[in-house]
Amino acid sequence: MDRGLYCGNGGRTAQAMSSEARCGDRDQGVAGGCGSTVQSTAGAYAIAATGGGNNNDGGRGAGGASIAMSGGIEGAGIDWAREQGTGQPQAAGTAVPGSSRPRWVFHRLRAGPRRTTWRRWFGVAATVLSVAAGTCWAAAWAGGSDQSAALSEWSPCAAANGAAGMQCAILNVPLDWNLAESAMAQVAVARLPATGAHKLGVIVTNPGGPGISGIDDMAYSGNFWDRLRQDFDIVTFDPRGVGASRPAIALAGDELVAAVRNQPSIPRTEAQRRSRLEGTTRLVDAAQRGGVLGLVGTQEVARDLEALRVAMNVESIDYFGFSYGTYLGVVYADMFPGRTHRIVLDSAMNPANDYATLRHDQAVAFDRAIRAQFDAPEIQRIQALIERLDESPIVGEDGRVLSGLRLLNYVESAAYEPETSVPVLREVLAEASRGNWAPVIDAVHGPALLVNPADLPYLSVACHDLSTPTQVGDVAALARAWTREAPLTGASRAWSVLPCTVWPTRAAAPPHRMTAAGSGPTLVIGVAGDPATPPHWGRELAATLVHGQYLQWAGAGHVAYGRAGEPLGTIVNDFFVSGRLPPAGLELPAD
């Protein structure tokens, strides 16, 4: 197929680039072709504007059906079509739904970490790895591909929707970095060139996820990058398997998504537990159909990032990661010492946590964040409504279901950006109290629902990377224990671990402490009331990193940069430009 290269269009008609399209300037001598297809040893791949799959637990970026509380994009192209259940790509020129720029996950592990979310190796390293990291990564990557990566020429992205001057390219990389001779994969890349006269370097950014399109996020970023772009090229990409990158991670069809999301928030009966396990088995089966399971983990993405650095012909990169993007940044810095200059990690994950630990900590943090917005009687009414829907879901006139799980996920979603989302949530709950179910059904089936337990791009990375010793038979006991700590969210979060207990692939290097001893200085930013990446993760990470320093914003919600105001913006900008760090232990006020 040959549909051309274009970026997400946010509701405008997408125009494929023709072979006569003018190419952008050659980037530091990097050779490459221009036109509607990019040729690799695996042949011509069609790259269309795509969403990034559903945004599980939020995400700064949005793609596919992943959209932020107060508006976002639905995406376009192949992944969007699959999310709609057609299973067919949208041809170039097809108009697709969309609106304003997305917000952010684990989720920017997308909220699992959003901005959401729980918003990336080639084989060159300049310095010797630290003993601990070297042993781990060396064991993980014994041998490897001898095929080189290649970056096509930069050329204007079509339908960039407000990201003036945005340019796109394709990076060809081995699909399996461990094979001497591998089929090739294509990683879609985009950049906003520096606007100032004296460019200082390149900042590579990842918005979170996993499973979020970095290109879609950049395309709808508005003026988000204007300040840093004065001095740096801002570069992002769709991680392998996501968005416009090919081959793609398989997506769950509408029927399977509905079967998973229409369940009770907690399986209370034996029949419900069997149904939950059956749904999990179907998710795993669907994920395996894509043929790339086990090849889309963060370690593989980090090798792609190193290949991108080499292809851009830069000695080292600056890096700005959000939520899951912080995990990618630490993995990259740990694997490739000497290749990072300065690093900012906003709403950080702790790479030593397995998936069960991650979900436990989130359960406690989400419960606390929701209770901070509602008084005790309101919490009781919310719990009673969820339990009522667990027993008797509401079915709308159009067949859409209001289940206890959907309502709980909607309540959790409001905690990502409470200043704008909680007032809307209150209106929805008021409609429910009056028995007016139509607007409630609209809400829980709409773009504000950031938590998606059927998100295969998310699970394909999270379950692979964060392998957990938890077994299927342990989950019910976890649910009981976590409920004592987090009465509203504990049991549901415990049951969300179930897919990872049976996931068929595991990363070569399991969750472990990373020191990134050969990295540049690293500023770790936490949010005091973050439900998706609790601030103690950031403190733990900063203490573990050899060159880490922690800063906290006293606000609520997920991700600080862009929400915490001018003081934080100045700190981050000054750090990237001059390397100047704020005072150790600094806490910025919420107002």
Protein backbone atom coordinates (compact mmCIF):
# COMPACT_ATOMS: atom_id res chain seq x y z
CA MET A 1 0.00 0.00 0.00
CA ASP A 2 1.12 3.53 -0.70
CA ARG A 3 -0.90 6.20 1.05
CA GLY A 4 1.71 8.79 1.79
CA LEU A 5 3.08 10.34 4.94
CA TYR A 6 1.01 12.81 6.89
CA CYS A 7 0.41 13.75 10.49
CA GLY A 8 -2.79 13.76 12.53
CA ASN A 9 -5.35 16.21 11.21
CA GLY A 10 -7.63 16.97 14.15
CA GLY A 11 -10.81 16.90 12.09
CA ARG A 12 -9.50 18.54 8.94
CA THR A 13 -9.28 16.58 5.73
CA ALA A 14 -5.92 14.84 5.65
CA GLN A 15 -3.90 15.47 2.52
CA ALA A 16 -1.28 12.88 1.64
CA MET A 17 2.04 14.28 0.56
CA SER A 18 2.72 13.73 -3.09
CA SER A 19 6.04 12.61 -4.47
CA GLU A 20 6.49 16.20 -5.70
CA ALA A 21 6.21 17.62 -2.18
CA ARG A 22 9.08 19.92 -1.30
CA CYS A 23 11.51 18.30 1.11
CA GLY A 24 12.74 20.08 4.20
CA ASP A 25 16.35 21.03 4.69
CA ARG A 26 18.77 18.16 4.99
CA ASP A 27 19.50 17.67 8.67
CA GLN A 28 23.23 17.80 9.34
CA GLY A 29 24.11 15.75 6.31
CA VAL A 30 21.62 12.96 6.91
CA ALA A 31 20.67 11.50 3.57
CA GLY A 32 17.21 10.28 2.77
CA GLY A 33 14.42 10.26 0.28
CA CYS A 34 11.35 12.43 0.05
CA GLY A 35 7.86 11.76 -1.18
CA SER A 36 4.83 9.74 -0.38
CA THR A 37 6.59 6.55 0.61
CA VAL A 38 9.76 5.69 2.43
CA GLN A 39 11.64 2.69 1.13
CA SER A 40 13.33 0.26 3.50
CA THR A 41 14.82 -3.18 3.02
CA ALA A 42 11.39 -4.48 3.92
CA GLY A 43 9.76 -2.53 1.10
CA ALA A 44 7.55 0.53 0.88
CA TYR A 45 5.38 1.09 3.92
CA ALA A 46 2.24 3.16 3.89
CA ILE A 47 2.23 5.66 6.71
CA ALA A 48 -1.03 7.44 7.45
CA ALA A 49 -2.15 9.78 10.17
CA THR A 50 -3.17 7.67 13.09
CA GLY A 51 -4.26 7.89 16.64
CA GLY A 52 -2.17 6.35 19.33
CA GLY A 53 -4.67 3.82 20.54
CA ASN A 54 -6.86 4.27 23.55
CA ASN A 55 -5.35 6.29 26.31
CA ASN A 56 -5.30 3.95 29.28
CA ASP A 57 -5.45 5.94 32.49
CA GLY A 58 -5.12 9.19 30.66
CA GLY A 59 -2.16 10.63 28.88
CA ARG A 60 -1.00 14.06 27.92
CA GLY A 61 -1.10 13.10 24.32
CA ALA A 62 -4.14 11.70 22.70
CA GLY A 63 -4.59 9.34 19.82
CA GLY A 64 -7.16 6.96 18.60
CA ALA A 65 -9.97 7.29 21.12
CA SER A 66 -7.63 8.84 23.66
CA ILE A 67 -8.69 12.39 24.47
CA ALA A 68 -8.28 14.68 27.43
CA MET A 69 -10.98 15.73 29.89
CA SER A 70 -11.46 19.18 28.42
CA GLY A 71 -11.04 18.33 24.78
CA GLY A 72 -8.61 16.64 22.47
CA ILE A 73 -8.29 14.79 19.23
CA GLU A 74 -9.72 11.50 18.16
CA GLY A 75 -6.94 10.91 15.68
CA ALA A 76 -7.18 9.59 12.18
CA GLY A 77 -6.19 6.86 9.82
CA ILE A 78 -5.46 3.22 10.46
CA ASP A 79 -5.61 3.08 14.24
CA TRP A 80 -8.64 5.36 14.39
CA ALA A 81 -10.48 3.13 11.96
CA ARG A 82 -9.65 0.05 13.99
CA GLU A 83 -10.87 1.74 17.17
CA GLN A 84 -14.15 2.35 15.39
CA GLY A 85 -14.37 -1.36 14.68
CA THR A 86 -13.95 -1.15 10.93
CA GLY A 87 -10.55 -2.80 10.97
CA GLN A 88 -9.79 -0.89 7.77
CA PRO A 89 -7.44 2.03 7.17
CA GLN A 90 -8.87 5.41 6.26
CA ALA A 91 -7.59 6.50 2.89
CA ALA A 92 -5.66 9.70 2.52
CA GLY A 93 -8.09 12.57 2.23
CA THR A 94 -10.64 11.08 4.63
CA ALA A 95 -11.97 13.52 7.18
CA VAL A 96 -12.02 12.24 10.74
CA PRO A 97 -13.33 13.61 14.04
CA GLY A 98 -11.23 15.87 16.18
CA SER A 99 -11.12 19.09 18.14
CA SER A 100 -8.63 21.04 20.21
CA ARG A 101 -5.17 19.86 21.22
CA PRO A 102 -5.02 16.96 23.65
CA ARG A 103 -3.99 17.15 27.24
CA TRP A 104 -1.66 14.86 28.88
CA VAL A 105 -0.31 10.26 31.21
CA PHE A 106 1.33 6.92 33.16
CA HIS A 107 -0.42 8.37 30.83
CA ARG A 108 2.15 11.35 29.73
CA LEU A 109 2.80 4.09 32.68
CA ARG A 110 -0.64 7.18 30.52
CA ALA A 111 -2.20 8.22 34.06
CA GLY A 112 -1.26 4.43 34.55
CA PRO A 113 0.88 6.25 34.88
CA ARG A 114 -1.40 10.43 31.68
CA ARG A 115 0.38 13.90 29.81
CA THR A 116 -1.09 10.52 30.53
CA THR A 117 0.14 8.84 31.14
CA TRP A 118 1.93 4.89 33.15
CA ARG A 119 3.11 11.58 27.77
CA ARG A 120 13.19 5.56 24.13
CA TRP A 121 19.04 1.28 21.70
CA PHE A 122 21.44 1.04 18.50
CA GLY A 123 24.71 -0.20 19.89
CA VAL A 124 26.98 2.78 20.42
CA ALA A 125 28.01 3.97 23.87
CA ALA A 126 30.78 6.41 24.61
CA THR A 127 31.52 5.44 28.18
CA VAL A 128 31.49 2.30 30.25
CA LEU A 129 28.19 1.38 31.88
CA SER A 130 28.02 1.34 35.64
CA VAL A 131 28.55 -2.14 37.06
CA ALA A 132 24.93 -2.74 38.02
CA ALA A 133 23.43 -1.37 34.83
CA GLY A 134 26.08 -2.88 32.63
CA THR A 135 25.49 -6.37 33.96
CA CYS A 136 21.74 -6.07 33.51
CA TRP A 137 21.70 -4.52 30.05
CA ALA A 138 24.57 -6.68 28.78
CA ALA A 139 22.64 -9.80 29.70
CA ALA A 140 19.53 -8.36 28.11
CA TRP A 141 21.22 -7.49 24.83
CA ALA A 142 23.82 -10.17 24.18
CA GLY A 143 24.49 -10.18 20.46
CA GLY A 144 22.31 -7.97 18.32
CA SER A 145 21.56 -6.69 14.86
CA ASP A 146 24.36 -5.46 12.65
CA GLN A 147 21.89 -3.60 10.44
CA SER A 148 22.12 0.17 10.52
CA ALA A 149 19.23 2.55 10.95
CA ALA A 150 18.44 5.21 8.38
CA LEU A 151 16.50 8.47 8.66
CA SER A 152 14.62 9.82 5.66
CA GLU A 153 14.89 13.47 4.76
CA TRP A 154 12.83 15.88 6.85
CA SER A 155 9.84 17.29 4.97
CA PRO A 156 6.79 19.34 5.96
CA CYS A 157 4.08 17.44 7.79
CA ALA A 158 0.67 17.81 6.27
CA ALA A 159 -2.20 19.06 8.41
CA ALA A 160 -0.06 19.85 11.42
CA ASN A 161 -3.03 21.83 12.83
CA GLY A 162 -1.29 24.72 14.48
CA ALA A 163 2.24 23.35 14.89
CA ALA A 164 3.83 25.82 12.50
CA GLY A 165 6.91 24.50 10.74
CA MET A 166 6.51 20.94 11.96
CA GLN A 167 8.53 18.47 9.88
CA CYS A 168 8.22 14.70 9.57
CA ALA A 169 10.54 11.83 8.66
CA ILE A 170 10.80 8.06 8.93
CA LEU A 171 13.50 6.17 10.82
CA ASN A 172 14.08 2.62 9.56
CA VAL A 173 15.29 0.30 12.32
CA PRO A 174 15.60 -3.47 12.78
CA LEU A 175 12.33 -4.90 14.05
CA ASP A 176 14.30 -7.27 16.29
CA TRP A 177 17.47 -5.67 17.58
CA ASN A 178 18.71 -9.07 18.76
CA LEU A 179 18.83 -10.64 15.30
CA ALA A 180 21.81 -10.21 13.01
CA GLU A 181 19.40 -10.14 10.06
CA SER A 182 16.00 -8.73 10.93
CA ALA A 183 12.99 -7.43 9.10
CA MET A 184 12.79 -3.67 9.32
CA ALA A 185 10.40 -1.51 11.29
CA GLN A 186 9.54 2.10 10.61
CA VAL A 187 9.43 4.71 13.36
CA ALA A 188 7.59 7.91 12.50
CA VAL A 189 9.51 11.00 13.67
CA ALA A 190 8.63 14.70 13.84
CA ARG A 191 10.36 17.89 14.87
CA LEU A 192 9.75 21.57 15.47
CA PRO A 193 12.96 23.29 14.31
CA ALA A 194 14.50 25.89 16.59
CA THR A 195 13.27 29.41 15.90
CA GLY A 196 16.26 31.31 17.33
CA ALA A 197 19.40 32.29 15.48
CA HIS A 198 21.72 30.17 17.61
CA LYS A 199 20.43 26.65 18.17
CA LEU A 200 21.84 25.05 21.30
CA GLY A 201 20.89 21.44 20.62
CA VAL A 202 18.07 18.92 20.31
CA ILE A 203 15.44 18.12 22.94
CA VAL A 204 13.78 14.74 22.39
CA THR A 205 10.44 14.41 24.16
CA ASN A 206 7.96 11.64 24.93
CA PRO A 207 4.45 12.58 26.15
CA GLY A 208 3.73 9.41 28.12
CA GLY A 209 1.62 6.35 27.68
CA PRO A 210 2.76 3.86 26.80
CA GLY A 211 0.81 3.77 23.58
CA ILE A 212 0.59 7.51 22.88
CA SER A 213 1.58 9.07 19.57
CA GLY A 214 4.29 11.66 20.12
CA ILE A 215 3.56 13.09 16.67
CA ASP A 216 -0.12 13.64 17.38
CA ASP A 217 0.83 15.22 20.68
CA MET A 218 3.22 17.63 18.96
CA ALA A 219 0.77 18.41 16.16
CA TYR A 220 -1.83 19.62 18.65
CA SER A 221 0.56 21.19 21.13
CA GLY A 222 -0.27 24.77 20.20
CA ASN A 223 2.29 27.09 21.81
CA PHE A 224 3.36 24.52 24.40
CA TRP A 225 6.91 24.28 23.01
CA ASP A 226 7.40 27.92 21.97
CA ARG A 227 9.67 28.84 24.85
CA LEU A 228 12.10 25.93 24.54
CA ARG A 229 11.91 26.01 20.77
CA GLN A 230 13.69 29.35 20.74
CA ASP A 231 16.94 27.51 21.51
CA PHE A 232 16.34 23.87 20.59
CA ASP A 233 14.94 21.61 17.94
CA ILE A 234 12.06 19.75 19.61
CA VAL A 235 11.97 16.15 18.33
CA THR A 236 9.39 13.47 19.05
CA PHE A 237 8.34 10.15 17.54
CA ASP A 238 5.69 7.46 17.59
CA PRO A 239 7.27 4.59 19.53
CA ARG A 240 7.45 1.33 17.62
CA GLY A 241 4.01 -0.21 17.23
CA VAL A 242 2.20 3.07 17.96
CA GLY A 243 0.53 5.69 15.77
CA ALA A 244 2.12 6.03 12.34
CA SER A 245 4.99 3.65 13.13
CA ARG A 246 4.87 0.25 11.46
CA PRO A 247 4.22 -2.58 12.07
CA ALA A 248 1.48 -1.64 14.53
CA ILE A 249 0.40 -3.19 17.80
CA ALA A 250 -2.92 -4.98 17.37
CA LEU A 251 -5.96 -3.20 18.79
CA ALA A 252 -8.96 -4.67 20.54
CA GLY A 253 -12.14 -4.48 18.48
CA ASP A 254 -15.27 -2.68 19.66
CA GLU A 255 -16.95 -5.87 20.86
CA LEU A 256 -14.02 -6.88 23.03
CA VAL A 257 -13.56 -3.35 24.39
CA ALA A 258 -17.23 -3.25 25.33
CA ALA A 259 -17.05 -6.69 26.95
CA VAL A 260 -14.17 -5.55 29.14
CA ARG A 261 -15.44 -2.08 30.00
CA ASN A 262 -19.06 -3.01 30.63
CA GLN A 263 -18.18 -5.26 33.55
CA PRO A 264 -18.70 -4.49 37.25
CA SER A 265 -15.97 -2.42 38.88
CA ILE A 266 -15.21 -5.47 41.03
CA PRO A 267 -16.05 -9.10 40.13
CA ARG A 268 -17.96 -10.15 43.24
CA THR A 269 -19.35 -13.52 42.16
CA GLU A 270 -17.69 -16.59 40.74
CA ALA A 271 -19.45 -16.01 37.42
CA GLN A 272 -18.14 -12.45 37.31
CA ARG A 273 -14.61 -13.62 38.09
CA ARG A 274 -14.80 -16.17 35.28
CA SER A 275 -16.02 -13.45 32.95
CA ARG A 276 -13.15 -11.16 33.96
CA LEU A 277 -10.59 -13.90 33.31
CA GLU A 278 -12.22 -14.77 29.98
CA GLY A 279 -12.03 -11.12 28.92
CA THR A 280 -8.37 -11.03 29.92
CA THR A 281 -7.63 -14.14 27.87
CA ARG A 282 -9.33 -12.56 24.86
CA LEU A 283 -7.23 -9.40 25.28
CA VAL A 284 -4.01 -11.42 25.29
CA ASP A 285 -5.14 -13.36 22.21
CA ALA A 286 -5.94 -10.11 20.41
CA ALA A 287 -2.55 -8.64 21.31
CA GLN A 288 -0.74 -11.66 19.90
CA ARG A 289 -2.43 -11.25 16.52
CA GLY A 290 -0.31 -8.20 15.77
CA GLY A 291 2.86 -10.28 15.49
CA VAL A 292 5.02 -7.75 17.35
CA LEU A 293 4.36 -8.74 20.95
CA GLY A 294 7.67 -8.81 22.79
CA LEU A 295 9.28 -6.42 20.29
CA VAL A 296 7.66 -3.17 21.48
CA GLY A 297 9.04 -2.89 25.01
CA THR A 298 10.79 0.16 26.39
CA GLN A 299 14.26 -1.36 25.99
CA GLU A 300 13.60 -1.79 22.27
CA VAL A 301 12.25 1.75 22.03
CA ALA A 302 15.36 3.06 23.79
CA ARG A 303 17.50 1.39 21.13
CA ASP A 304 15.39 3.13 18.49
CA LEU A 305 16.01 6.42 20.28
CA GLU A 306 19.76 5.80 20.19
CA ALA A 307 19.47 5.01 16.49
CA LEU A 308 17.65 8.31 16.03
CA ARG A 309 20.42 10.18 17.85
CA VAL A 310 23.03 8.62 15.59
CA ALA A 311 20.96 9.34 12.48
CA MET A 312 20.55 13.00 13.51
CA ASN A 313 24.34 13.20 13.86
CA VAL A 314 24.30 14.74 17.33
CA GLU A 315 26.79 13.82 20.06
CA SER A 316 24.17 13.85 22.81
CA ILE A 317 20.53 14.77 23.28
CA ASP A 318 18.60 16.71 25.85
CA TYR A 319 15.49 14.84 26.96
CA PHE A 320 12.09 15.91 28.34
CA GLY A 321 9.81 13.06 29.43
CA PHE A 322 6.34 13.10 30.95
CA SER A 323 4.86 10.25 33.01
CA TYR A 324 5.73 7.01 31.16
CA GLY A 325 8.12 9.14 29.13
CA THR A 326 10.19 9.53 32.31
CA TYR A 327 10.64 5.76 32.42
CA LEU A 328 11.80 5.73 28.82
CA GLY A 329 14.24 8.54 29.56
CA VAL A 330 15.79 6.73 32.50
CA VAL A 331 16.07 3.47 30.56
CA TYR A 332 17.77 5.29 27.69
CA ALA A 333 20.17 7.19 29.96
CA ASP A 334 21.04 4.00 31.83
CA MET A 335 21.64 2.01 28.64
CA PHE A 336 23.57 4.70 26.78
CA PRO A 337 25.81 6.62 29.17
CA GLY A 338 27.31 9.78 27.78
CA ARG A 339 24.52 10.27 25.24
CA THR A 340 22.30 12.52 27.37
CA HIS A 341 23.19 16.12 28.08
CA ARG A 342 20.39 17.39 30.34
CA ILE A 343 17.23 15.55 31.35
CA VAL A 344 13.88 16.71 32.77
CA LEU A 345 11.47 14.06 34.07
CA ASP A 346 8.00 15.41 34.88
CA SER A 347 5.72 13.14 36.96
CA ALA A 348 8.21 10.33 37.20
CA MET A 349 7.89 6.59 37.49
CA ASN A 350 10.18 4.47 39.63
CA PRO A 351 11.68 1.81 37.30
CA ALA A 352 12.17 -0.57 40.24
CA ASN A 353 8.39 -1.04 40.61
CA ASP A 354 6.68 -4.05 39.09
CA TYR A 355 3.13 -3.68 37.76
CA ALA A 356 1.38 -4.79 40.95
CA THR A 357 3.37 -2.27 43.00
CA LEU A 358 2.58 0.43 40.47
CA ARG A 359 -1.16 -0.28 40.59
CA HIS A 360 -1.18 -0.47 44.40
CA ASP A 361 0.47 2.92 44.75
CA GLN A 362 -1.92 4.39 42.20
CA ALA A 363 -4.92 2.96 44.03
CA VAL A 364 -3.91 4.76 47.20
CA ALA A 365 -3.09 7.98 45.34
CA PHE A 366 -6.32 8.01 43.30
CA ASP A 367 -8.41 7.34 46.40
CA ARG A 368 -6.69 10.20 48.20
CA ALA A 369 -7.02 12.55 45.21
CA ILE A 370 -10.75 11.89 44.80
CA ARG A 371 -11.42 12.33 48.51
CA ALA A 372 -9.62 15.67 48.36
CA GLN A 373 -12.34 16.90 45.98
CA PHE A 374 -15.46 15.46 47.65
CA ASP A 375 -16.68 15.32 51.24
CA ALA A 376 -17.51 12.07 53.04
CA PRO A 377 -21.26 12.01 52.21
CA GLU A 378 -20.48 12.64 48.54
CA ILE A 379 -17.96 9.79 48.50
CA GLN A 380 -20.57 7.51 50.04
CA ARG A 381 -23.06 8.43 47.31
CA ILE A 382 -20.47 7.80 44.60
CA GLN A 383 -19.65 4.38 46.06
CA ALA A 384 -23.34 3.50 46.36
CA LEU A 385 -23.96 4.48 42.73
CA ILE A 386 -21.02 2.38 41.51
CA GLU A 387 -22.26 -0.62 43.52
CA ARG A 388 -25.78 -0.14 42.14
CA LEU A 389 -24.44 -0.14 38.59
CA ASP A 390 -22.31 -3.19 39.37
CA GLU A 391 -25.51 -5.05 40.18
CA SER A 392 -27.76 -3.50 37.52
CA PRO A 393 -26.03 -1.66 34.67
CA ILE A 394 -28.05 0.95 32.79
CA VAL A 395 -28.52 0.34 29.07
CA GLY A 396 -29.25 3.40 26.96
CA GLU A 397 -31.67 3.61 24.07
CA ASP A 398 -28.79 3.18 21.65
CA GLY A 399 -27.47 0.09 23.47
CA ARG A 400 -24.54 1.78 25.19
CA VAL A 401 -23.97 0.52 28.72
CA LEU A 402 -23.37 2.48 31.92
CA SER A 403 -21.49 -0.03 34.07
CA GLY A 404 -19.97 0.35 37.50
CA LEU A 405 -16.50 0.04 35.98
CA ARG A 406 -17.13 2.79 33.44
CA LEU A 407 -18.40 5.17 36.11
CA LEU A 408 -15.46 4.46 38.42
CA ASN A 409 -13.03 5.00 35.54
CA TYR A 410 -14.78 8.31 34.78
CA VAL A 411 -14.44 9.44 38.40
CA GLU A 412 -10.75 8.49 38.37
CA SER A 413 -10.24 10.39 35.12
CA ALA A 414 -11.31 13.64 36.77
CA ALA A 415 -8.33 13.45 39.12
CA TYR A 416 -5.86 14.11 36.29
CA GLU A 417 -6.79 17.77 36.00
CA PRO A 418 -9.22 18.41 38.86
CA GLU A 419 -9.45 22.17 38.41
CA THR A 420 -11.30 21.73 35.11
CA SER A 421 -12.64 18.17 35.33
CA VAL A 422 -14.19 17.93 38.79
CA PRO A 423 -16.86 20.60 38.12
CA VAL A 424 -17.95 18.60 35.06
CA LEU A 425 -17.95 15.40 37.10
CA ARG A 426 -20.21 17.03 39.69
CA GLU A 427 -22.72 17.92 36.97
CA VAL A 428 -22.69 14.35 35.67
CA LEU A 429 -23.22 12.93 39.17
CA ALA A 430 -26.09 15.35 39.71
CA GLU A 431 -27.78 14.03 36.56
CA ALA A 432 -27.33 10.49 37.85
CA SER A 433 -28.93 11.40 41.18
CA ARG A 434 -32.01 12.62 39.25
CA GLY A 435 -32.16 9.40 37.26
CA ASN A 436 -31.38 11.26 34.05
CA TRP A 437 -29.10 8.61 32.59
CA ALA A 438 -28.64 9.84 29.01
CA PRO A 439 -26.02 12.53 29.80
CA VAL A 440 -24.26 10.16 32.18
CA ILE A 441 -23.99 7.52 29.45
CA ASP A 442 -22.69 10.17 27.06
CA ALA A 443 -20.05 11.19 29.60
CA VAL A 444 -18.69 7.73 30.35
CA HIS A 445 -18.55 6.88 26.65
CA GLY A 446 -16.92 10.18 25.74
CA PRO A 447 -13.40 11.56 25.44
CA ALA A 448 -13.18 12.39 29.14
CA LEU A 449 -12.90 8.70 30.03
CA LEU A 450 -9.14 8.40 30.25
CA VAL A 451 -8.89 5.05 32.04
CA ASN A 452 -9.21 2.14 29.61
CA PRO A 453 -8.59 -1.43 30.82
CA ALA A 454 -8.79 -2.72 27.23
CA ASP A 455 -5.92 -0.61 25.86
CA LEU A 456 -3.65 -3.13 24.12
CA PRO A 457 -0.83 -0.70 23.17
CA TYR A 458 -0.59 0.20 26.84
CA LEU A 459 -0.74 -3.38 28.11
CA SER A 460 1.71 -4.61 25.45
CA VAL A 461 4.39 -2.39 26.95
CA ALA A 462 3.40 -2.17 30.63
CA CYS A 463 2.91 -5.90 31.18
CA HIS A 464 6.06 -6.71 29.20
CA ASP A 465 8.31 -4.19 30.96
CA LEU A 466 6.93 -4.33 34.49
CA SER A 467 6.56 -8.09 34.86
CA THR A 468 5.04 -8.97 38.20
CA PRO A 469 5.41 -12.09 40.36
CA THR A 470 1.68 -11.81 41.12
CA GLN A 471 -0.29 -14.86 39.95
CA VAL A 472 -3.92 -15.11 38.81
CA GLY A 473 -4.91 -16.67 42.13
CA ASP A 474 -3.37 -13.78 44.08
CA VAL A 475 -5.56 -11.03 42.64
CA ALA A 476 -8.65 -11.55 44.80
CA ALA A 477 -6.52 -11.39 47.96
CA LEU A 478 -4.84 -8.23 46.68
CA ALA A 479 -8.26 -6.69 46.09
CA ARG A 480 -9.31 -7.34 49.68
CA ALA A 481 -6.05 -5.95 51.08
CA TRP A 482 -5.98 -2.86 48.87
CA THR A 483 -9.60 -2.04 49.71
CA ARG A 484 -8.55 -1.48 53.30
CA GLU A 485 -6.09 1.19 52.14
CA ALA A 486 -8.16 2.63 49.30
CA PRO A 487 -11.87 1.84 49.78
CA LEU A 488 -12.99 3.52 46.55
CA THR A 489 -10.30 2.46 44.08
CA GLY A 490 -8.28 -0.35 45.69
CA ALA A 491 -10.19 -3.44 44.57
CA SER A 492 -10.66 -2.25 40.99
CA ARG A 493 -6.97 -1.38 40.65
CA ALA A 494 -6.04 -4.80 42.04
CA TRP A 495 -8.15 -6.53 39.41
CA SER A 496 -6.49 -4.39 36.72
CA VAL A 497 -3.28 -6.35 37.42
CA LEU A 498 -4.91 -9.51 36.02
CA PRO A 499 -3.75 -9.13 32.38
CA CYS A 500 -0.12 -8.83 33.46
CA THR A 501 -0.32 -12.08 35.46
CA VAL A 502 -0.90 -14.01 32.22
CA TRP A 503 0.97 -11.81 29.72
CA PRO A 504 3.03 -14.06 27.40
CA THR A 505 6.16 -11.89 27.11
CA ARG A 506 8.64 -10.52 29.63
CA ALA A 507 11.40 -7.97 29.17
CA ALA A 508 14.93 -9.38 29.24
CA ALA A 509 15.73 -6.97 32.07
CA PRO A 510 13.01 -7.04 34.78
CA PRO A 511 12.14 -3.98 36.89
CA HIS A 512 15.23 -2.79 38.75
CA ARG A 513 16.92 0.28 40.19
CA MET A 514 18.67 2.42 37.60
CA THR A 515 21.37 4.92 38.46
CA ALA A 516 22.11 6.34 34.99
CA ALA A 517 25.64 7.01 36.22
CA GLY A 518 26.84 8.23 32.83
CA SER A 519 23.96 10.62 32.19
CA GLY A 520 23.87 14.37 32.39
CA PRO A 521 22.20 16.24 35.28
CA THR A 522 18.59 15.22 35.74
CA LEU A 523 15.76 17.35 37.15
CA VAL A 524 12.91 15.20 38.48
CA ILE A 525 9.60 17.04 38.98
CA GLY A 526 6.77 15.73 41.14
CA VAL A 527 3.23 16.93 41.86
CA ALA A 528 2.10 16.69 45.48
CA GLY A 529 -1.42 15.55 44.55
CA ASP A 530 -0.60 13.40 41.51
CA PRO A 531 -2.82 10.28 41.42
CA ALA A 532 -1.13 8.62 38.42
CA THR A 533 2.54 8.99 39.34
CA PRO A 534 2.57 9.56 43.11
CA PRO A 535 5.28 12.00 44.18
CA HIS A 536 7.19 9.46 46.25
CA TRP A 537 8.10 7.72 43.00
CA GLY A 538 9.89 10.85 41.85
CA ARG A 539 11.66 11.30 45.16
CA GLU A 540 12.81 7.67 45.09
CA LEU A 541 14.03 7.99 41.50
CA ALA A 542 15.92 11.23 42.14
CA ALA A 543 17.63 9.66 45.15
CA THR A 544 18.66 6.64 43.06
CA LEU A 545 19.99 8.57 40.06
CA VAL A 546 23.63 9.56 40.43
CA HIS A 547 22.90 12.99 38.97
CA GLY A 548 19.27 13.39 40.04
CA GLN A 549 17.65 16.32 41.85
CA TYR A 550 14.01 16.52 42.94
CA LEU A 551 11.62 19.46 42.76
CA GLN A 552 7.97 19.34 43.81
CA TRP A 553 4.97 21.44 42.84
CA ALA A 554 2.34 21.61 45.58
CA GLY A 555 -0.55 21.32 43.14
CA ALA A 556 -2.96 18.49 42.30
CA GLY A 557 -3.42 16.44 39.16
CA HIS A 558 -0.99 14.85 36.74
CA VAL A 559 2.03 16.65 35.24
CA ALA A 560 3.41 20.00 36.35
CA TYR A 561 4.99 21.70 33.31
CA GLY A 562 2.36 23.77 31.55
CA ARG A 563 0.12 23.72 34.63
CA ALA A 564 2.34 25.00 37.44
CA GLY A 565 2.82 28.48 36.01
CA GLU A 566 5.71 30.77 35.22
CA PRO A 567 8.11 29.83 38.07
CA LEU A 568 8.40 26.22 36.93
CA GLY A 569 8.56 27.22 33.28
CA THR A 570 11.50 29.50 34.03
CA ILE A 571 13.29 26.80 36.04
CA VAL A 572 12.94 24.23 33.25
CA ASN A 573 13.94 26.65 30.51
CA ASP A 574 16.98 27.89 32.43
CA PHE A 575 18.05 24.33 33.17
CA PHE A 576 17.98 23.28 29.53
CA VAL A 577 19.75 26.45 28.39
CA SER A 578 22.40 26.86 31.09
CA GLY A 579 22.35 23.71 33.21
CA ARG A 580 21.36 25.75 36.26
CA LEU A 581 19.44 23.63 38.78
CA PRO A 582 17.04 25.05 41.38
CA PRO A 583 17.90 24.77 45.09
CA ALA A 584 17.76 21.20 46.37
CA GLY A 585 14.43 20.30 47.96
CA LEU A 586 12.56 23.24 46.43
CA GLU A 587 8.74 23.09 46.63
CA LEU A 588 6.80 25.48 44.44
CA PRO A 589 3.44 26.66 45.82
CA ALA A 590 0.24 25.63 44.08
CA ASP A 591 -0.90 29.22 43.55
